[in-house]
Amino acid sequence: QVQLVESGGGLVQPGGSLRLSCAASGFPFSSYVMSWYRQAPGKERELVATISNRGVLRSYAEPVKGRFTISRDNAKNTVYLQMNSLKPEDTAVYYCNPKRNYNEGPSDYWGQGTQVTVSS
């Protein structure tokens, strides 16, 4: 079955950096588009970044453009999110999500997420 294991979150000061990882299994990873989503307390889950199956296409939500970078390693079935210049408003639980097509909504497959807290 599909398994998604996010890791790399933690507590970081404003301006700091974190690198999130998502290890995937149970599906042909290199055939799937991968996205990162986040959900802050009291808010709906929102799309953060998307990468095409071979990494050629990447897109970002406006609030994170220029600060976050999504990447993937198909040999390791892993997708990453490098987060720099973190702000308190980046505080959320971060999730990865696989989907078949680049512009479609999220699939029903979610991991447990990883908590990112940006605070001084």
Protein backbone atom coordinates (compact mmCIF):
# COMPACT_ATOMS: atom_id res chain seq x y z
CA GLN A 1 0.00 0.00 0.00
CA VAL A 2 1.00 3.62 -0.40
CA GLN A 3 3.21 4.89 2.41
CA LEU A 4 4.48 8.44 2.83
CA VAL A 5 6.84 9.25 5.68
CA GLU A 6 7.67 12.91 6.20
CA SER A 7 10.60 13.99 8.35
CA GLY A 8 12.93 16.90 9.02
CA GLY A 9 10.62 19.29 10.80
CA GLY A 10 11.40 21.04 14.04
CA LEU A 11 11.67 24.34 15.89
CA VAL A 12 13.68 27.02 14.13
CA GLN A 13 14.18 30.74 14.63
CA PRO A 14 12.94 33.26 12.06
CA GLY A 15 15.41 33.47 9.21
CA GLY A 16 16.55 29.90 9.73
CA SER A 17 16.43 26.90 7.41
CA LEU A 18 15.06 23.38 7.40
CA ARG A 19 15.10 20.55 4.88
CA LEU A 20 12.09 18.28 4.82
CA SER A 21 12.12 14.78 3.35
CA CYS A 22 9.32 12.49 2.28
CA ALA A 23 10.10 8.82 1.74
CA ALA A 24 7.52 7.16 -0.49
CA SER A 25 6.69 3.53 -1.18
CA GLY A 26 3.90 1.37 -2.55
CA PHE A 27 3.53 3.09 -5.91
CA PRO A 28 5.73 3.83 -8.96
CA PHE A 29 7.30 6.98 -7.54
CA SER A 30 9.07 8.10 -10.71
CA SER A 31 5.74 8.14 -12.57
CA TYR A 32 4.04 10.48 -10.12
CA VAL A 33 4.01 14.21 -9.64
CA MET A 34 4.80 15.10 -6.04
CA SER A 35 3.60 18.06 -4.02
CA TRP A 36 4.15 19.50 -0.59
CA TYR A 37 1.16 20.86 1.31
CA ARG A 38 0.95 22.50 4.71
CA GLN A 39 -1.76 23.07 7.28
CA ALA A 40 -1.53 25.69 9.98
CA PRO A 41 -3.74 25.59 13.10
CA GLY A 42 -7.26 26.68 12.29
CA LYS A 43 -6.56 26.92 8.57
CA GLU A 44 -7.21 24.76 5.56
CA ARG A 45 -4.48 22.68 4.00
CA GLU A 46 -2.69 24.64 1.27
CA LEU A 47 -0.43 23.73 -1.62
CA VAL A 48 3.19 24.79 -1.14
CA ALA A 49 5.15 23.35 -4.06
CA THR A 50 4.90 20.81 -6.87
CA ILE A 51 7.49 18.93 -8.91
CA SER A 52 6.89 16.88 -12.05
CA ASN A 53 7.78 13.21 -12.19
CA ARG A 54 11.25 13.79 -13.63
CA GLY A 55 11.84 17.10 -11.90
CA VAL A 56 11.67 19.23 -15.03
CA LEU A 57 8.69 21.32 -13.90
CA ARG A 58 8.48 23.00 -10.51
CA SER A 59 5.99 25.49 -9.13
CA TYR A 60 5.54 27.32 -5.85
CA ALA A 61 2.85 29.14 -3.92
CA GLU A 62 3.42 32.89 -3.86
CA PRO A 63 4.20 33.10 -0.12
CA VAL A 64 7.18 30.73 -0.49
CA LYS A 65 8.60 31.73 -3.87
CA GLY A 66 12.29 32.52 -3.68
CA ARG A 67 12.61 30.91 -0.24
CA PHE A 68 11.61 27.25 -0.73
CA THR A 69 12.98 24.72 -3.22
CA ILE A 70 11.37 21.39 -4.06
CA SER A 71 13.47 18.55 -5.42
CA ARG A 72 13.33 14.78 -5.78
CA ASP A 73 15.56 11.74 -6.03
CA ASN A 74 13.75 9.03 -7.97
CA ALA A 75 16.47 6.50 -7.15
CA LYS A 76 15.62 6.95 -3.47
CA ASN A 77 11.85 7.44 -3.87
CA THR A 78 12.19 10.65 -1.91
CA VAL A 79 11.01 14.21 -2.37
CA TYR A 80 12.56 17.13 -0.51
CA LEU A 81 11.61 20.66 0.48
CA GLN A 82 14.45 23.03 1.29
CA MET A 83 13.08 25.92 3.29
CA ASN A 84 15.18 29.04 3.78
CA SER A 85 14.48 32.44 5.34
CA LEU A 86 11.72 30.91 7.39
CA LYS A 87 9.01 33.15 8.82
CA PRO A 88 6.58 32.61 11.71
CA GLU A 89 3.77 32.31 9.17
CA ASP A 90 5.47 29.18 7.77
CA THR A 91 4.55 27.38 10.98
CA ALA A 92 2.42 24.38 10.01
CA VAL A 93 2.35 20.64 9.61
CA TYR A 94 3.88 19.79 6.23
CA TYR A 95 2.72 16.85 4.12
CA CYS A 96 3.81 15.33 0.82
CA ASN A 97 1.27 14.07 -1.68
CA PRO A 98 1.51 12.08 -4.92
CA LYS A 99 -0.69 12.68 -7.94
CA ARG A 100 -0.84 11.51 -11.53
CA ASN A 101 -1.17 14.86 -13.24
CA TYR A 102 0.59 18.16 -12.58
CA ASN A 103 -2.41 20.49 -12.30
CA GLU A 104 -4.87 18.26 -10.53
CA GLY A 105 -5.82 18.44 -6.87
CA PRO A 106 -4.29 16.27 -4.16
CA SER A 107 -4.78 12.53 -4.05
CA ASP A 108 -6.20 10.77 -1.03
CA TYR A 109 -2.76 9.60 0.09
CA TRP A 110 -1.26 11.39 3.05
CA GLY A 111 1.42 10.65 5.59
CA GLN A 112 1.53 11.72 9.21
CA GLY A 113 3.17 15.03 8.34
CA THR A 114 6.08 16.79 9.98
CA GLN A 115 5.68 19.81 12.26
CA VAL A 116 7.55 23.00 11.43
CA THR A 117 7.53 25.72 14.05
CA VAL A 118 9.18 29.07 13.37
CA SER A 119 9.52 31.08 16.54
CA SER A 120 12.05 33.08 18.50
